[in-house]
């Protein structure tokens, strides 16, 4: 089990993910962010504190202000300074092949998951 960040502006999607995580005991800890910039700031402030960092980030693409792509661009600037390797999964309702191709240009993105989430999909994010 591990620590996961859910970055998604949709509070319903976040709540569904939290319920699945709790019910199926999929992760030891989860933290939800509706604002991708706040999640990025947390990571930036904790680059030297691996116990505070997530093992996995479930990242939505379509969010106001700082969207998933913006988050990934910011993350690229600090990923080498982080004391922990973080696996990022894009979780989106987008079925656009352009998004899938663009996701592959980010070395930190290890998967592209279509909403809605399921317990089996969440289990597949384990290393």
C-alpha atoms as a PDB file:
ATOM      1  CA  UNK A   1       0.000   0.000   0.000  1.00  0.00           C
ATOM      2  CA  UNK A   2       1.106   3.562  -0.556  1.00  0.00           C
ATOM      3  CA  UNK A   3       0.270   7.244  -0.562  1.00  0.00           C
ATOM      4  CA  UNK A   4      -1.766   8.735  -3.421  1.00  0.00           C
ATOM      5  CA  UNK A   5      -2.654  12.290  -4.443  1.00  0.00           C
ATOM      6  CA  UNK A   6      -5.905  12.823  -6.337  1.00  0.00           C
ATOM      7  CA  UNK A   7      -5.769  16.058  -8.335  1.00  0.00           C
ATOM      8  CA  UNK A   8      -9.178  16.719  -9.837  1.00  0.00           C
ATOM      9  CA  UNK A   9     -11.519  19.711  -9.729  1.00  0.00           C
ATOM     10  CA  UNK A  10     -14.574  17.424  -9.784  1.00  0.00           C
ATOM     11  CA  UNK A  11     -15.531  16.881  -6.152  1.00  0.00           C
ATOM     12  CA  UNK A  12     -17.861  14.003  -7.079  1.00  0.00           C
ATOM     13  CA  UNK A  13     -15.063  12.131  -8.840  1.00  0.00           C
ATOM     14  CA  UNK A  14     -12.779  12.770  -5.863  1.00  0.00           C
ATOM     15  CA  UNK A  15     -15.380  11.439  -3.448  1.00  0.00           C
ATOM     16  CA  UNK A  16     -15.964   8.294  -5.519  1.00  0.00           C
ATOM     17  CA  UNK A  17     -12.200   7.661  -5.616  1.00  0.00           C
ATOM     18  CA  UNK A  18     -11.935   8.203  -1.852  1.00  0.00           C
ATOM     19  CA  UNK A  19     -14.785   5.797  -1.140  1.00  0.00           C
ATOM     20  CA  UNK A  20     -13.173   3.102  -3.298  1.00  0.00           C
ATOM     21  CA  UNK A  21      -9.780   3.649  -1.669  1.00  0.00           C
ATOM     22  CA  UNK A  22     -11.266   3.356   1.822  1.00  0.00           C
ATOM     23  CA  UNK A  23     -13.628   0.465   1.092  1.00  0.00           C
ATOM     24  CA  UNK A  24     -11.026  -1.658  -0.693  1.00  0.00           C
ATOM     25  CA  UNK A  25      -8.064  -0.471   1.425  1.00  0.00           C
ATOM     26  CA  UNK A  26      -6.128   0.358  -1.723  1.00  0.00           C
ATOM     27  CA  UNK A  27      -3.770   2.974  -0.303  1.00  0.00           C
ATOM     28  CA  UNK A  28      -2.564   3.763   3.193  1.00  0.00           C
ATOM     29  CA  UNK A  29      -3.125   7.471   2.687  1.00  0.00           C
ATOM     30  CA  UNK A  30      -4.762   9.725   0.133  1.00  0.00           C
ATOM     31  CA  UNK A  31      -4.847  13.478  -0.265  1.00  0.00           C
ATOM     32  CA  UNK A  32      -7.240  15.292  -2.584  1.00  0.00           C
ATOM     33  CA  UNK A  33      -6.628  18.566  -4.365  1.00  0.00           C
ATOM     34  CA  UNK A  34      -9.131  20.505  -6.444  1.00  0.00           C
ATOM     35  CA  UNK A  35      -6.389  22.964  -7.393  1.00  0.00           C
ATOM     36  CA  UNK A  36      -3.376  21.524  -9.228  1.00  0.00           C
ATOM     37  CA  UNK A  37      -1.202  24.479  -8.255  1.00  0.00           C
ATOM     38  CA  UNK A  38      -1.727  23.747  -4.545  1.00  0.00           C
ATOM     39  CA  UNK A  39      -0.632  20.156  -5.137  1.00  0.00           C
ATOM     40  CA  UNK A  40       2.441  21.379  -6.998  1.00  0.00           C
ATOM     41  CA  UNK A  41       3.288  23.826  -4.200  1.00  0.00           C
ATOM     42  CA  UNK A  42       3.046  21.012  -1.651  1.00  0.00           C
ATOM     43  CA  UNK A  43       5.458  18.902  -3.694  1.00  0.00           C
ATOM     44  CA  UNK A  44       7.831  21.823  -4.120  1.00  0.00           C
ATOM     45  CA  UNK A  45       7.830  22.553  -0.383  1.00  0.00           C
ATOM     46  CA  UNK A  46       8.476  18.887   0.450  1.00  0.00           C
ATOM     47  CA  UNK A  47      11.107  17.899  -2.131  1.00  0.00           C
ATOM     48  CA  UNK A  48      13.445  16.747   0.654  1.00  0.00           C
ATOM     49  CA  UNK A  49      10.763  14.978   2.697  1.00  0.00           C
ATOM     50  CA  UNK A  50      10.014  11.635   0.999  1.00  0.00           C
ATOM     51  CA  UNK A  51       7.604  10.509   3.721  1.00  0.00           C
ATOM     52  CA  UNK A  52       5.285  13.407   2.840  1.00  0.00           C
ATOM     53  CA  UNK A  53       5.415  12.795  -0.889  1.00  0.00           C
ATOM     54  CA  UNK A  54       2.943  10.596  -2.709  1.00  0.00           C
ATOM     55  CA  UNK A  55       3.917   7.386  -4.462  1.00  0.00           C
ATOM     56  CA  UNK A  56       1.234   7.940  -7.074  1.00  0.00           C
ATOM     57  CA  UNK A  57      -0.584  10.967  -8.477  1.00  0.00           C
ATOM     58  CA  UNK A  58      -3.949  10.547 -10.185  1.00  0.00           C
ATOM     59  CA  UNK A  59      -4.156  13.673 -12.347  1.00  0.00           C
ATOM     60  CA  UNK A  60      -7.140  15.080 -14.195  1.00  0.00           C
ATOM     61  CA  UNK A  61      -6.372  17.051 -17.352  1.00  0.00           C
ATOM     62  CA  UNK A  62      -9.303  19.427 -17.674  1.00  0.00           C
ATOM     63  CA  UNK A  63      -9.291  21.803 -14.728  1.00  0.00           C
ATOM     64  CA  UNK A  64      -9.698  25.576 -14.462  1.00  0.00           C
ATOM     65  CA  UNK A  65      -6.732  27.852 -13.763  1.00  0.00           C
ATOM     66  CA  UNK A  66      -3.934  25.243 -13.606  1.00  0.00           C
ATOM     67  CA  UNK A  67      -4.891  22.251 -15.724  1.00  0.00           C
ATOM     68  CA  UNK A  68      -3.207  18.856 -15.814  1.00  0.00           C
ATOM     69  CA  UNK A  69      -0.811  19.866 -18.591  1.00  0.00           C
ATOM     70  CA  UNK A  70       0.243  22.970 -16.643  1.00  0.00           C
ATOM     71  CA  UNK A  71       0.838  20.786 -13.589  1.00  0.00           C
ATOM     72  CA  UNK A  72       3.000  18.408 -15.606  1.00  0.00           C
ATOM     73  CA  UNK A  73       5.043  21.302 -16.998  1.00  0.00           C
ATOM     74  CA  UNK A  74       5.618  22.623 -13.470  1.00  0.00           C
ATOM     75  CA  UNK A  75       6.372  19.118 -12.170  1.00  0.00           C
ATOM     76  CA  UNK A  76       9.087  18.653 -14.812  1.00  0.00           C
ATOM     77  CA  UNK A  77      10.988  21.531 -13.145  1.00  0.00           C
ATOM     78  CA  UNK A  78      11.205  19.809  -9.751  1.00  0.00           C
ATOM     79  CA  UNK A  79      11.002  16.076 -10.429  1.00  0.00           C
ATOM     80  CA  UNK A  80      14.778  15.595 -10.336  1.00  0.00           C
ATOM     81  CA  UNK A  81      14.973  17.342  -6.957  1.00  0.00           C
ATOM     82  CA  UNK A  82      12.353  15.103  -5.334  1.00  0.00           C
ATOM     83  CA  UNK A  83      13.602  12.555  -2.820  1.00  0.00           C
ATOM     84  CA  UNK A  84      11.074  10.051  -4.139  1.00  0.00           C
ATOM     85  CA  UNK A  85      10.090   8.743  -7.546  1.00  0.00           C
ATOM     86  CA  UNK A  86       6.415   9.574  -8.116  1.00  0.00           C
ATOM     87  CA  UNK A  87       4.341   7.737 -10.697  1.00  0.00           C
ATOM     88  CA  UNK A  88       1.730   9.899 -12.430  1.00  0.00           C
ATOM     89  CA  UNK A  89      -1.416   8.502 -14.014  1.00  0.00           C
ATOM     90  CA  UNK A  90      -3.610  10.775 -16.063  1.00  0.00           C
ATOM     91  CA  UNK A  91      -7.245  10.101 -15.163  1.00  0.00           C
ATOM     92  CA  UNK A  92      -9.569  11.827 -17.575  1.00  0.00           C
ATOM     93  CA  UNK A  93     -12.823  11.647 -19.453  1.00  0.00           C
ATOM     94  CA  UNK A  94     -10.925  12.644 -22.608  1.00  0.00           C
ATOM     95  CA  UNK A  95     -10.756  10.022 -25.327  1.00  0.00           C
ATOM     96  CA  UNK A  96      -8.755  12.276 -27.639  1.00  0.00           C
ATOM     97  CA  UNK A  97      -5.771  10.462 -29.147  1.00  0.00           C
ATOM     98  CA  UNK A  98      -3.874  13.781 -29.121  1.00  0.00           C
ATOM     99  CA  UNK A  99      -4.059  13.786 -25.312  1.00  0.00           C
ATOM    100  CA  UNK A 100      -2.740  10.220 -25.180  1.00  0.00           C
ATOM    101  CA  UNK A 101       0.140  11.108 -27.493  1.00  0.00           C
ATOM    102  CA  UNK A 102       0.946  14.268 -25.546  1.00  0.00           C
ATOM    103  CA  UNK A 103       0.917  12.311 -22.270  1.00  0.00           C
ATOM    104  CA  UNK A 104       3.647  10.057 -23.669  1.00  0.00           C
ATOM    105  CA  UNK A 105       5.961  13.069 -23.994  1.00  0.00           C
ATOM    106  CA  UNK A 106       6.152  13.321 -20.183  1.00  0.00           C
ATOM    107  CA  UNK A 107       8.515  10.765 -18.688  1.00  0.00           C
ATOM    108  CA  UNK A 108       6.724  10.993 -15.336  1.00  0.00           C
ATOM    109  CA  UNK A 109       3.406   9.859 -16.808  1.00  0.00           C
ATOM    110  CA  UNK A 110       3.214   6.082 -16.619  1.00  0.00           C
ATOM    111  CA  UNK A 111      -0.434   5.586 -17.532  1.00  0.00           C
ATOM    112  CA  UNK A 112      -3.543   7.071 -19.115  1.00  0.00           C
ATOM    113  CA  UNK A 113      -6.785   6.019 -17.421  1.00  0.00           C
ATOM    114  CA  UNK A 114     -10.292   6.793 -18.631  1.00  0.00           C
ATOM    115  CA  UNK A 115     -12.927   7.790 -16.102  1.00  0.00           C
ATOM    116  CA  UNK A 116     -14.727   6.412 -14.247  1.00  0.00           C
ATOM    117  CA  UNK A 117     -12.307   4.747 -11.865  1.00  0.00           C
ATOM    118  CA  UNK A 118     -12.874   1.270 -10.521  1.00  0.00           C
ATOM    119  CA  UNK A 119     -11.148  -0.698  -7.762  1.00  0.00           C
ATOM    120  CA  UNK A 120      -9.399  -2.855 -10.382  1.00  0.00           C
ATOM    121  CA  UNK A 121      -8.121   0.210 -12.206  1.00  0.00           C
ATOM    122  CA  UNK A 122      -6.826   1.666  -8.938  1.00  0.00           C
ATOM    123  CA  UNK A 123      -5.097  -1.647  -8.113  1.00  0.00           C
ATOM    124  CA  UNK A 124      -3.389  -1.525 -11.524  1.00  0.00           C
ATOM    125  CA  UNK A 125      -1.549   1.644 -10.482  1.00  0.00           C
ATOM    126  CA  UNK A 126       0.544  -0.287  -7.956  1.00  0.00           C
ATOM    127  CA  UNK A 127       4.185  -0.719  -8.947  1.00  0.00           C
END
